[in-house]
Amino acid sequence: AKPGLDGHDRGIKVVAMALRDAGAEVIYLGLRRTAEEIWAAA
């Protein structure tokens, strides 16, 4: 996830794709997520 007001997400999307390519199951929540949203999803 990208918490806070930061809108730059290219890097985390690259990491997400690399993790998927390595066999991980990735759930990307997107931009501007709160701590509560992140832990609820986790």
Full PDB file with SEQRES, HELIX, SHEET, SSBOND, CRYST1, ORIGX, SCALE, CONECT and MASTER records, all heavy atoms in Angstrom:
SEQRES   1 A   42  ALA LYS PRO GLY LEU ASP GLY HIS ASP ARG GLY ILE LYS          
SEQRES   2 A   42  VAL VAL ALA MET ALA LEU ARG ASP ALA GLY ALA GLU VAL          
SEQRES   3 A   42  ILE TYR LEU GLY LEU ARG ARG THR ALA GLU GLU ILE TRP          
SEQRES   4 A   42  ALA ALA ALA                                                  
HELIX    1 AA1 ARG A   10  ASP A   21  1                                  12    
HELIX    2 AA2 ALA A   35  ALA A   41  1                                   7    
CRYST1    1.000    1.000    1.000  90.00  90.00  90.00 P 1           1          
ORIGX1      1.000000  0.000000  0.000000        0.00000                         
ORIGX2      0.000000  1.000000  0.000000        0.00000                         
ORIGX3      0.000000  0.000000  1.000000        0.00000                         
SCALE1      1.000000  0.000000  0.000000        0.00000                         
SCALE2      0.000000  1.000000  0.000000        0.00000                         
SCALE3      0.000000  0.000000  1.000000        0.00000                         
ATOM      1  N   ALA A   1       0.830  -1.205   0.000  1.00  0.00           N  
ATOM      2  CA  ALA A   1       0.000   0.000   0.000  1.00  0.00           C  
ATOM      3  C   ALA A   1       0.864   1.254   0.000  1.00  0.00           C  
ATOM      4  O   ALA A   1       2.036   1.216   0.370  1.00  0.00           O  
ATOM      5  CB  ALA A   1      -0.914   0.012   1.226  1.00  0.00           C  
ATOM      6  N   LYS A   2       0.237   2.342  -0.398  1.00  0.00           N  
ATOM      7  CA  LYS A   2       0.844   3.672  -0.349  1.00  0.00           C  
ATOM      8  C   LYS A   2       0.064   4.480   0.686  1.00  0.00           C  
ATOM      9  O   LYS A   2      -1.000   5.005   0.391  1.00  0.00           O  
ATOM     10  CB  LYS A   2       0.730   4.352  -1.719  1.00  0.00           C  
ATOM     11  CG  LYS A   2       1.570   3.757  -2.812  1.00  0.00           C  
ATOM     12  CD  LYS A   2       3.018   4.101  -2.688  1.00  0.00           C  
ATOM     13  CE  LYS A   2       3.222   5.589  -2.789  1.00  0.00           C  
ATOM     14  NZ  LYS A   2       4.614   5.986  -2.710  1.00  0.00           N  
ATOM     15  N   PRO A   3       0.574   4.572   1.917  1.00  0.00           N  
ATOM     16  CA  PRO A   3      -0.118   5.364   2.940  1.00  0.00           C  
ATOM     17  C   PRO A   3       0.174   6.855   2.779  1.00  0.00           C  
ATOM     18  O   PRO A   3       1.142   7.254   2.133  1.00  0.00           O  
ATOM     19  CB  PRO A   3       0.459   4.829   4.246  1.00  0.00           C  
ATOM     20  CG  PRO A   3       1.818   4.352   3.882  1.00  0.00           C  
ATOM     21  CD  PRO A   3       1.735   3.880   2.451  1.00  0.00           C  
ATOM     22  N   GLY A   4      -0.653   7.659   3.369  1.00  0.00           N  
ATOM     23  CA  GLY A   4      -0.439   9.102   3.345  1.00  0.00           C  
ATOM     24  C   GLY A   4      -0.890   9.720   2.037  1.00  0.00           C  
ATOM     25  O   GLY A   4      -1.639   9.129   1.274  1.00  0.00           O  
ATOM     26  N   LEU A   5      -0.401  10.908   1.766  1.00  0.00           N  
ATOM     27  CA  LEU A   5      -0.863  11.679   0.619  1.00  0.00           C  
ATOM     28  C   LEU A   5       0.014  11.534  -0.613  1.00  0.00           C  
ATOM     29  O   LEU A   5      -0.269  12.117  -1.653  1.00  0.00           O  
ATOM     30  CB  LEU A   5      -0.970  13.157   1.001  1.00  0.00           C  
ATOM     31  CG  LEU A   5      -1.939  13.450   2.142  1.00  0.00           C  
ATOM     32  CD1 LEU A   5      -1.912  14.934   2.486  1.00  0.00           C  
ATOM     33  CD2 LEU A   5      -3.350  13.002   1.794  1.00  0.00           C  
ATOM     34  N   ASP A   6       1.068  10.765  -0.518  1.00  0.00           N  
ATOM     35  CA  ASP A   6       1.993  10.557  -1.627  1.00  0.00           C  
ATOM     36  C   ASP A   6       1.270   9.903  -2.798  1.00  0.00           C  
ATOM     37  O   ASP A   6       0.607   8.888  -2.641  1.00  0.00           O  
ATOM     38  CB  ASP A   6       3.125   9.664  -1.119  1.00  0.00           C  
ATOM     39  CG  ASP A   6       4.169   9.331  -2.158  1.00  0.00           C  
ATOM     40  OD1 ASP A   6       4.130   9.896  -3.260  1.00  0.00           O  
ATOM     41  OD2 ASP A   6       5.029   8.498  -1.846  1.00  0.00           O  
ATOM     42  N   GLY A   7       1.395  10.475  -3.987  1.00  0.00           N  
ATOM     43  CA  GLY A   7       0.723   9.942  -5.160  1.00  0.00           C  
ATOM     44  C   GLY A   7       1.637   9.252  -6.148  1.00  0.00           C  
ATOM     45  O   GLY A   7       1.216   8.902  -7.244  1.00  0.00           O  
ATOM     46  N   HIS A   8       2.890   9.023  -5.795  1.00  0.00           N  
ATOM     47  CA  HIS A   8       3.852   8.396  -6.706  1.00  0.00           C  
ATOM     48  C   HIS A   8       3.869   6.890  -6.450  1.00  0.00           C  
ATOM     49  O   HIS A   8       4.346   6.452  -5.406  1.00  0.00           O  
ATOM     50  CB  HIS A   8       5.243   8.984  -6.496  1.00  0.00           C  
ATOM     51  CG  HIS A   8       5.320  10.434  -6.832  1.00  0.00           C  
ATOM     52  ND1 HIS A   8       4.758  11.398  -6.051  1.00  0.00           N  
ATOM     53  CD2 HIS A   8       5.868  11.070  -7.891  1.00  0.00           C  
ATOM     54  CE1 HIS A   8       4.971  12.585  -6.607  1.00  0.00           C  
ATOM     55  NE2 HIS A   8       5.639  12.412  -7.726  1.00  0.00           N  
ATOM     56  N   ASP A   9       3.368   6.126  -7.395  1.00  0.00           N  
ATOM     57  CA  ASP A   9       3.227   4.695  -7.145  1.00  0.00           C  
ATOM     58  C   ASP A   9       3.962   3.795  -8.134  1.00  0.00           C  
ATOM     59  O   ASP A   9       3.804   2.586  -8.097  1.00  0.00           O  
ATOM     60  CB  ASP A   9       1.756   4.314  -7.098  1.00  0.00           C  
ATOM     61  CG  ASP A   9       1.014   4.569  -8.397  1.00  0.00           C  
ATOM     62  OD1 ASP A   9       1.585   5.195  -9.310  1.00  0.00           O  
ATOM     63  OD2 ASP A   9      -0.149   4.139  -8.490  1.00  0.00           O  
ATOM     64  N   ARG A  10       4.778   4.348  -8.992  1.00  0.00           N  
ATOM     65  CA  ARG A  10       5.487   3.513  -9.966  1.00  0.00           C  
ATOM     66  C   ARG A  10       6.377   2.484  -9.267  1.00  0.00           C  
ATOM     67  O   ARG A  10       6.390   1.312  -9.630  1.00  0.00           O  
ATOM     68  CB  ARG A  10       6.317   4.369 -10.900  1.00  0.00           C  
ATOM     69  CG  ARG A  10       7.095   3.508 -11.898  1.00  0.00           C  
ATOM     70  CD  ARG A  10       7.869   4.327 -12.857  1.00  0.00           C  
ATOM     71  NE  ARG A  10       6.973   4.726 -13.929  1.00  0.00           N  
ATOM     72  CZ  ARG A  10       7.334   5.464 -14.948  1.00  0.00           C  
ATOM     73  NH1 ARG A  10       8.562   5.926 -15.027  1.00  0.00           N  
ATOM     74  NH2 ARG A  10       6.482   5.762 -15.897  1.00  0.00           N  
ATOM     75  N   GLY A  11       7.138   2.907  -8.262  1.00  0.00           N  
ATOM     76  CA  GLY A  11       8.062   2.004  -7.582  1.00  0.00           C  
ATOM     77  C   GLY A  11       7.367   0.832  -6.920  1.00  0.00           C  
ATOM     78  O   GLY A  11       7.804  -0.315  -7.047  1.00  0.00           O  
ATOM     79  N   ILE A  12       6.283   1.080  -6.215  1.00  0.00           N  
ATOM     80  CA  ILE A  12       5.595  -0.018  -5.527  1.00  0.00           C  
ATOM     81  C   ILE A  12       4.950  -0.969  -6.525  1.00  0.00           C  
ATOM     82  O   ILE A  12       4.856  -2.169  -6.291  1.00  0.00           O  
ATOM     83  CB  ILE A  12       4.586   0.506  -4.477  1.00  0.00           C  
ATOM     84  CG1 ILE A  12       4.237  -0.616  -3.488  1.00  0.00           C  
ATOM     85  CG2 ILE A  12       3.354   1.099  -5.139  1.00  0.00           C  
ATOM     86  CD1 ILE A  12       3.518  -0.155  -2.256  1.00  0.00           C  
ATOM     87  N   LYS A  13       4.552  -0.446  -7.679  1.00  0.00           N  
ATOM     88  CA  LYS A  13       3.995  -1.321  -8.714  1.00  0.00           C  
ATOM     89  C   LYS A  13       5.086  -2.211  -9.312  1.00  0.00           C  
ATOM     90  O   LYS A  13       4.831  -3.374  -9.625  1.00  0.00           O  
ATOM     91  CB  LYS A  13       3.301  -0.494  -9.791  1.00  0.00           C  
ATOM     92  CG  LYS A  13       1.984   0.091  -9.305  1.00  0.00           C  
ATOM     93  CD  LYS A  13       1.335   0.927 -10.379  1.00  0.00           C  
ATOM     94  CE  LYS A  13      -0.017   1.455  -9.909  1.00  0.00           C  
ATOM     95  NZ  LYS A  13      -0.632   2.348 -10.925  1.00  0.00           N  
ATOM     96  N   VAL A  14       6.280  -1.687  -9.447  1.00  0.00           N  
ATOM     97  CA  VAL A  14       7.409  -2.497  -9.917  1.00  0.00           C  
ATOM     98  C   VAL A  14       7.712  -3.596  -8.905  1.00  0.00           C  
ATOM     99  O   VAL A  14       7.919  -4.759  -9.270  1.00  0.00           O  
ATOM    100  CB  VAL A  14       8.650  -1.616 -10.184  1.00  0.00           C  
ATOM    101  CG1 VAL A  14       9.895  -2.458 -10.407  1.00  0.00           C  
ATOM    102  CG2 VAL A  14       8.400  -0.698 -11.371  1.00  0.00           C  
ATOM    103  N   VAL A  15       7.715  -3.250  -7.626  1.00  0.00           N  
ATOM    104  CA  VAL A  15       7.939  -4.241  -6.571  1.00  0.00           C  
ATOM    105  C   VAL A  15       6.832  -5.289  -6.591  1.00  0.00           C  
ATOM    106  O   VAL A  15       7.096  -6.495  -6.490  1.00  0.00           O  
ATOM    107  CB  VAL A  15       8.052  -3.570  -5.183  1.00  0.00           C  
ATOM    108  CG1 VAL A  15       8.045  -4.606  -4.065  1.00  0.00           C  
ATOM    109  CG2 VAL A  15       9.308  -2.711  -5.112  1.00  0.00           C  
ATOM    110  N   ALA A  16       5.591  -4.867  -6.757  1.00  0.00           N  
ATOM    111  CA  ALA A  16       4.469  -5.806  -6.805  1.00  0.00           C  
ATOM    112  C   ALA A  16       4.644  -6.811  -7.942  1.00  0.00           C  
ATOM    113  O   ALA A  16       4.454  -8.022  -7.754  1.00  0.00           O  
ATOM    114  CB  ALA A  16       3.150  -5.047  -6.955  1.00  0.00           C  
ATOM    115  N   MET A  17       5.011  -6.325  -9.115  1.00  0.00           N  
ATOM    116  CA  MET A  17       5.206  -7.230 -10.260  1.00  0.00           C  
ATOM    117  C   MET A  17       6.376  -8.183 -10.023  1.00  0.00           C  
ATOM    118  O   MET A  17       6.293  -9.372 -10.358  1.00  0.00           O  
ATOM    119  CB  MET A  17       5.404  -6.424 -11.543  1.00  0.00           C  
ATOM    120  CG  MET A  17       4.112  -5.752 -12.008  1.00  0.00           C  
ATOM    121  SD  MET A  17       4.270  -4.928 -13.603  1.00  0.00           S  
ATOM    122  CE  MET A  17       5.333  -3.552 -13.171  1.00  0.00           C  
ATOM    123  N   ALA A  18       7.453  -7.680  -9.433  1.00  0.00           N  
ATOM    124  CA  ALA A  18       8.604  -8.536  -9.162  1.00  0.00           C  
ATOM    125  C   ALA A  18       8.262  -9.620  -8.137  1.00  0.00           C  
ATOM    126  O   ALA A  18       8.680 -10.779  -8.285  1.00  0.00           O  
ATOM    127  CB  ALA A  18       9.783  -7.689  -8.668  1.00  0.00           C  
ATOM    128  N   LEU A  19       7.478  -9.261  -7.130  1.00  0.00           N  
ATOM    129  CA  LEU A  19       7.055 -10.258  -6.140  1.00  0.00           C  
ATOM    130  C   LEU A  19       6.147 -11.311  -6.782  1.00  0.00           C  
ATOM    131  O   LEU A  19       6.283 -12.507  -6.509  1.00  0.00           O  
ATOM    132  CB  LEU A  19       6.338  -9.574  -4.970  1.00  0.00           C  
ATOM    133  CG  LEU A  19       7.251  -8.837  -3.990  1.00  0.00           C  
ATOM    134  CD1 LEU A  19       6.436  -7.916  -3.088  1.00  0.00           C  
ATOM    135  CD2 LEU A  19       8.061  -9.834  -3.165  1.00  0.00           C  
ATOM    136  N   ARG A  20       5.226 -10.870  -7.626  1.00  0.00           N  
ATOM    137  CA  ARG A  20       4.356 -11.830  -8.332  1.00  0.00           C  
ATOM    138  C   ARG A  20       5.193 -12.756  -9.209  1.00  0.00           C  
ATOM    139  O   ARG A  20       4.957 -13.964  -9.248  1.00  0.00           O  
ATOM    140  CB  ARG A  20       3.321 -11.086  -9.175  1.00  0.00           C  
ATOM    141  CG  ARG A  20       2.204 -10.517  -8.359  1.00  0.00           C  
ATOM    142  CD  ARG A  20       1.110  -9.917  -9.228  1.00  0.00           C  
ATOM    143  NE  ARG A  20       0.103  -9.329  -8.356  1.00  0.00           N  
ATOM    144  CZ  ARG A  20      -0.394  -8.114  -8.498  1.00  0.00           C  
ATOM    145  NH1 ARG A  20      -0.013  -7.352  -9.502  1.00  0.00           N  
ATOM    146  NH2 ARG A  20      -1.296  -7.668  -7.663  1.00  0.00           N  
ATOM    147  N   ASP A  21       6.157 -12.188  -9.924  1.00  0.00           N  
ATOM    148  CA  ASP A  21       7.027 -12.998 -10.789  1.00  0.00           C  
ATOM    149  C   ASP A  21       7.821 -14.021  -9.982  1.00  0.00           C  
ATOM    150  O   ASP A  21       8.177 -15.083 -10.494  1.00  0.00           O  
ATOM    151  CB  ASP A  21       7.989 -12.114 -11.580  1.00  0.00           C  
ATOM    152  CG  ASP A  21       7.293 -11.300 -12.661  1.00  0.00           C  
ATOM    153  OD1 ASP A  21       6.102 -11.561 -12.955  1.00  0.00           O  
ATOM    154  OD2 ASP A  21       7.942 -10.381 -13.204  1.00  0.00           O  
ATOM    155  N   ALA A  22       8.088 -13.708  -8.720  1.00  0.00           N  
ATOM    156  CA  ALA A  22       8.841 -14.606  -7.834  1.00  0.00           C  
ATOM    157  C   ALA A  22       7.932 -15.608  -7.116  1.00  0.00           C  
ATOM    158  O   ALA A  22       8.399 -16.392  -6.303  1.00  0.00           O  
ATOM    159  CB  ALA A  22       9.631 -13.791  -6.811  1.00  0.00           C  
ATOM    160  N   GLY A  23       6.620 -15.558  -7.406  1.00  0.00           N  
ATOM    161  CA  GLY A  23       5.702 -16.543  -6.847  1.00  0.00           C  
ATOM    162  C   GLY A  23       4.848 -16.077  -5.681  1.00  0.00           C  
ATOM    163  O   GLY A  23       4.057 -16.854  -5.151  1.00  0.00           O  
ATOM    164  N   ALA A  24       4.979 -14.834  -5.273  1.00  0.00           N  
ATOM    165  CA  ALA A  24       4.164 -14.331  -4.160  1.00  0.00           C  
ATOM    166  C   ALA A  24       2.757 -13.983  -4.642  1.00  0.00           C  
ATOM    167  O   ALA A  24       2.549 -13.680  -5.820  1.00  0.00           O  
ATOM    168  CB  ALA A  24       4.808 -13.091  -3.551  1.00  0.00           C  
ATOM    169  N   GLU A  25       1.812 -14.048  -3.735  1.00  0.00           N  
ATOM    170  CA  GLU A  25       0.472 -13.523  -3.983  1.00  0.00           C  
ATOM    171  C   GLU A  25       0.474 -12.095  -3.453  1.00  0.00           C  
ATOM    172  O   GLU A  25       0.720 -11.871  -2.266  1.00  0.00           O  
ATOM    173  CB  GLU A  25      -0.587 -14.348  -3.271  1.00  0.00           C  
ATOM    174  CG  GLU A  25      -0.784 -15.713  -3.884  1.00  0.00           C  
ATOM    175  CD  GLU A  25      -1.920 -16.471  -3.241  1.00  0.00           C  
ATOM    176  OE1 GLU A  25      -2.807 -15.842  -2.623  1.00  0.00           O  
ATOM    177  OE2 GLU A  25      -1.903 -17.702  -3.344  1.00  0.00           O  
ATOM    178  N   VAL A  26       0.217 -11.131  -4.324  1.00  0.00           N  
ATOM    179  CA  VAL A  26       0.309  -9.723  -3.964  1.00  0.00           C  
ATOM    180  C   VAL A  26      -1.065  -9.081  -4.012  1.00  0.00           C  
ATOM    181  O   VAL A  26      -1.788  -9.218  -5.000  1.00  0.00           O  
ATOM    182  CB  VAL A  26       1.274  -8.974  -4.907  1.00  0.00           C  
ATOM    183  CG1 VAL A  26       1.322  -7.489  -4.555  1.00  0.00           C  
ATOM    184  CG2 VAL A  26       2.664  -9.585  -4.841  1.00  0.00           C  
ATOM    185  N   ILE A  27      -1.405  -8.394  -2.947  1.00  0.00           N  
ATOM    186  CA  ILE A  27      -2.628  -7.613  -2.870  1.00  0.00           C  
ATOM    187  C   ILE A  27      -2.196  -6.159  -2.765  1.00  0.00           C  
ATOM    188  O   ILE A  27      -1.664  -5.736  -1.739  1.00  0.00           O  
ATOM    189  CB  ILE A  27      -3.497  -8.004  -1.646  1.00  0.00           C  
ATOM    190  CG1 ILE A  27      -3.875  -9.488  -1.709  1.00  0.00           C  
ATOM    191  CG2 ILE A  27      -4.733  -7.129  -1.570  1.00  0.00           C  
ATOM    192  CD1 ILE A  27      -2.934 -10.399  -0.994  1.00  0.00           C  
ATOM    193  N   TYR A  28      -2.387  -5.402  -3.856  1.00  0.00           N  
ATOM    194  CA  TYR A  28      -1.993  -3.993  -3.862  1.00  0.00           C  
ATOM    195  C   TYR A  28      -3.224  -3.143  -3.585  1.00  0.00           C  
ATOM    196  O   TYR A  28      -4.189  -3.166  -4.353  1.00  0.00           O  
ATOM    197  CB  TYR A  28      -1.344  -3.612  -5.192  1.00  0.00           C  
ATOM    198  CG  TYR A  28      -1.008  -2.139  -5.279  1.00  0.00           C  
ATOM    199  CD1 TYR A  28      -0.274  -1.519  -4.273  1.00  0.00           C  
ATOM    200  CD2 TYR A  28      -1.441  -1.372  -6.347  1.00  0.00           C  
ATOM    201  CE1 TYR A  28       0.027  -0.173  -4.329  1.00  0.00           C  
ATOM    202  CE2 TYR A  28      -1.141  -0.023  -6.416  1.00  0.00           C  
ATOM    203  CZ  TYR A  28      -0.414   0.573  -5.412  1.00  0.00           C  
ATOM    204  OH  TYR A  28      -0.125   1.906  -5.471  1.00  0.00           O  
ATOM    205  N   LEU A  29      -3.176  -2.393  -2.498  1.00  0.00           N  
ATOM    206  CA  LEU A  29      -4.325  -1.587  -2.069  1.00  0.00           C  
ATOM    207  C   LEU A  29      -4.405  -0.234  -2.747  1.00  0.00           C  
ATOM    208  O   LEU A  29      -5.448   0.419  -2.689  1.00  0.00           O  
ATOM    209  CB  LEU A  29      -4.287  -1.382  -0.554  1.00  0.00           C  
ATOM    210  CG  LEU A  29      -4.270  -2.652   0.294  1.00  0.00           C  
ATOM    211  CD1 LEU A  29      -4.217  -2.287   1.772  1.00  0.00           C  
ATOM    212  CD2 LEU A  29      -5.454  -3.540  -0.011  1.00  0.00           C  
ATOM    213  N   GLY A  30      -3.318   0.218  -3.332  1.00  0.00           N  
ATOM    214  CA  GLY A  30      -3.337   1.494  -4.024  1.00  0.00           C  
ATOM    215  C   GLY A  30      -2.896   2.653  -3.151  1.00  0.00           C  
ATOM    216  O   GLY A  30      -2.289   2.492  -2.091  1.00  0.00           O  
ATOM    217  N   LEU A  31      -3.249   3.844  -3.632  1.00  0.00           N  
ATOM    218  CA  LEU A  31      -2.806   5.100  -3.033  1.00  0.00           C  
ATOM    219  C   LEU A  31      -3.655   5.540  -1.849  1.00  0.00           C  
ATOM    220  O   LEU A  31      -4.824   5.201  -1.736  1.00  0.00           O  
ATOM    221  CB  LEU A  31      -2.863   6.213  -4.085  1.00  0.00           C  
ATOM    222  CG  LEU A  31      -1.970   6.040  -5.309  1.00  0.00           C  
ATOM    223  CD1 LEU A  31      -2.351   7.055  -6.371  1.00  0.00           C  
ATOM    224  CD2 LEU A  31      -0.516   6.186  -4.922  1.00  0.00           C  
ATOM    225  N   ARG A  32      -3.020   6.351  -1.005  1.00  0.00           N  
ATOM    226  CA  ARG A  32      -3.674   7.088   0.073  1.00  0.00           C  
ATOM    227  C   ARG A  32      -4.463   6.191   1.041  1.00  0.00           C  
ATOM    228  O   ARG A  32      -5.580   6.507   1.417  1.00  0.00           O  
ATOM    229  CB  ARG A  32      -4.547   8.195  -0.503  1.00  0.00           C  
ATOM    230  CG  ARG A  32      -3.724   9.198  -1.292  1.00  0.00           C  
ATOM    231  CD  ARG A  32      -4.562  10.283  -1.957  1.00  0.00           C  
ATOM    232  NE  ARG A  32      -3.700  11.137  -2.757  1.00  0.00           N  
ATOM    233  CZ  ARG A  32      -3.428  10.936  -4.044  1.00  0.00           C  
ATOM    234  NH1 ARG A  32      -3.957   9.922  -4.677  1.00  0.00           N  
ATOM    235  NH2 ARG A  32      -2.639  11.760  -4.692  1.00  0.00           N  
ATOM    236  N   ARG A  33      -3.856   5.114   1.449  1.00  0.00           N  
ATOM    237  CA  ARG A  33      -4.491   4.188   2.381  1.00  0.00           C  
ATOM    238  C   ARG A  33      -4.136   4.544   3.813  1.00  0.00           C  
ATOM    239  O   ARG A  33      -3.017   4.936   4.118  1.00  0.00           O  
ATOM    240  CB  ARG A  33      -4.058   2.747   2.096  1.00  0.00           C  
ATOM    241  CG  ARG A  33      -4.476   2.270   0.743  1.00  0.00           C  
ATOM    242  CD  ARG A  33      -5.983   2.236   0.651  1.00  0.00           C  
ATOM    243  NE  ARG A  33      -6.389   2.152  -0.733  1.00  0.00           N  
ATOM    244  CZ  ARG A  33      -7.577   2.485  -1.155  1.00  0.00           C  
ATOM    245  NH1 ARG A  33      -8.474   2.945  -0.310  1.00  0.00           N  
ATOM    246  NH2 ARG A  33      -7.879   2.380  -2.413  1.00  0.00           N  
ATOM    247  N   THR A  34      -5.098   4.409   4.697  1.00  0.00           N  
ATOM    248  CA  THR A  34      -4.865   4.664   6.115  1.00  0.00           C  
ATOM    249  C   THR A  34      -4.286   3.413   6.777  1.00  0.00           C  
ATOM    250  O   THR A  34      -4.392   2.308   6.237  1.00  0.00           O  
ATOM    251  CB  THR A  34      -6.175   5.041   6.839  1.00  0.00           C  
ATOM    252  OG1 THR A  34      -7.040   3.889   6.841  1.00  0.00           O  
ATOM    253  CG2 THR A  34      -6.861   6.226   6.178  1.00  0.00           C  
ATOM    254  N   ALA A  35      -3.738   3.596   7.944  1.00  0.00           N  
ATOM    255  CA  ALA A  35      -3.215   2.459   8.701  1.00  0.00           C  
ATOM    256  C   ALA A  35      -4.328   1.449   8.971  1.00  0.00           C  
ATOM    257  O   ALA A  35      -4.120   0.233   8.852  1.00  0.00           O  
ATOM    258  CB  ALA A  35      -2.594   2.939  10.012  1.00  0.00           C  
ATOM    259  N   GLU A  36      -5.500   1.927   9.305  1.00  0.00           N  
ATOM    260  CA  GLU A  36      -6.625   1.020   9.579  1.00  0.00           C  
ATOM    261  C   GLU A  36      -7.020   0.229   8.345  1.00  0.00           C  
ATOM    262  O   GLU A  36      -7.314  -0.971   8.430  1.00  0.00           O  
ATOM    263  CB  GLU A  36      -7.817   1.805  10.136  1.00  0.00           C  
ATOM    264  CG  GLU A  36      -7.575   2.354  11.538  1.00  0.00           C  
ATOM    265  CD  GLU A  36      -7.186   1.269  12.540  1.00  0.00           C  
ATOM    266  OE1 GLU A  36      -7.762   0.159  12.522  1.00  0.00           O  
ATOM    267  OE2 GLU A  36      -6.279   1.527  13.361  1.00  0.00           O  
ATOM    268  N   GLU A  37      -7.028   0.875   7.182  1.00  0.00           N  
ATOM    269  CA  GLU A  37      -7.357   0.161   5.940  1.00  0.00           C  
ATOM    270  C   GLU A  37      -6.308  -0.905   5.634  1.00  0.00           C  
ATOM    271  O   GLU A  37      -6.646  -2.014   5.206  1.00  0.00           O  
ATOM    272  CB  GLU A  37      -7.442   1.137   4.767  1.00  0.00           C  
ATOM    273  CG  GLU A  37      -8.639   2.047   4.799  1.00  0.00           C  
ATOM    274  CD  GLU A  37      -8.593   3.127   3.732  1.00  0.00           C  
ATOM    275  OE1 GLU A  37      -7.488   3.641   3.427  1.00  0.00           O  
ATOM    276  OE2 GLU A  37      -9.676   3.461   3.206  1.00  0.00           O  
ATOM    277  N   ILE A  38      -5.061  -0.575   5.856  1.00  0.00           N  
ATOM    278  CA  ILE A  38      -3.977  -1.518   5.582  1.00  0.00           C  
ATOM    279  C   ILE A  38      -4.091  -2.746   6.478  1.00  0.00           C  
ATOM    280  O   ILE A  38      -4.017  -3.881   6.010  1.00  0.00           O  
ATOM    281  CB  ILE A  38      -2.606  -0.828   5.730  1.00  0.00           C  
ATOM    282  CG1 ILE A  38      -2.441   0.231   4.626  1.00  0.00           C  
ATOM    283  CG2 ILE A  38      -1.470  -1.851   5.702  1.00  0.00           C  
ATOM    284  CD1 ILE A  38      -1.282   1.181   4.837  1.00  0.00           C  
ATOM    285  N   TRP A  39      -4.328  -2.539   7.776  1.00  0.00           N  
ATOM    286  CA  TRP A  39      -4.412  -3.682   8.684  1.00  0.00           C  
ATOM    287  C   TRP A  39      -5.696  -4.471   8.503  1.00  0.00           C  
ATOM    288  O   TRP A  39      -5.695  -5.702   8.671  1.00  0.00           O  
ATOM    289  CB  TRP A  39      -4.197  -3.248  10.134  1.00  0.00           C  
ATOM    290  CG  TRP A  39      -2.764  -2.874  10.336  1.00  0.00           C  
ATOM    291  CD1 TRP A  39      -2.258  -1.651  10.643  1.00  0.00           C  
ATOM    292  CD2 TRP A  39      -1.633  -3.731  10.151  1.00  0.00           C  
ATOM    293  NE1 TRP A  39      -0.885  -1.696  10.669  1.00  0.00           N  
ATOM    294  CE2 TRP A  39      -0.478  -2.956  10.366  1.00  0.00           C  
ATOM    295  CE3 TRP A  39      -1.469  -5.069   9.811  1.00  0.00           C  
ATOM    296  CZ2 TRP A  39       0.807  -3.486  10.280  1.00  0.00           C  
ATOM    297  CZ3 TRP A  39      -0.188  -5.602   9.712  1.00  0.00           C  
ATOM    298  CH2 TRP A  39       0.926  -4.812   9.948  1.00  0.00           C  
ATOM    299  N   ALA A  40      -6.774  -3.812   8.147  1.00  0.00           N  
ATOM    300  CA  ALA A  40      -8.009  -4.539   7.852  1.00  0.00           C  
ATOM    301  C   ALA A  40      -7.787  -5.473   6.661  1.00  0.00           C  
ATOM    302  O   ALA A  40      -8.192  -6.637   6.681  1.00  0.00           O  
ATOM    303  CB  ALA A  40      -9.154  -3.567   7.573  1.00  0.00           C  
ATOM    304  N   ALA A  41      -7.117  -4.970   5.628  1.00  0.00           N  
ATOM    305  CA  ALA A  41      -6.820  -5.799   4.458  1.00  0.00           C  
ATOM    306  C   ALA A  41      -5.852  -6.923   4.815  1.00  0.00           C  
ATOM    307  O   ALA A  41      -6.016  -8.061   4.352  1.00  0.00           O  
ATOM    308  CB  ALA A  41      -6.255  -4.940   3.337  1.00  0.00           C  
ATOM    309  N   ALA A  42      -4.853  -6.615   5.619  1.00  0.00           N  
ATOM    310  CA  ALA A  42      -3.877  -7.641   6.009  1.00  0.00           C  
ATOM    311  C   ALA A  42      -4.566  -8.789   6.747  1.00  0.00           C  
ATOM    312  O   ALA A  42      -4.260  -9.967   6.502  1.00  0.00           O  
ATOM    313  CB  ALA A  42      -2.784  -7.024   6.876  1.00  0.00           C  
TER     314      ALA A  42                                                      
MASTER        0    0    0    2    0    0    0    6  313    1    0    4          
END                                                                             
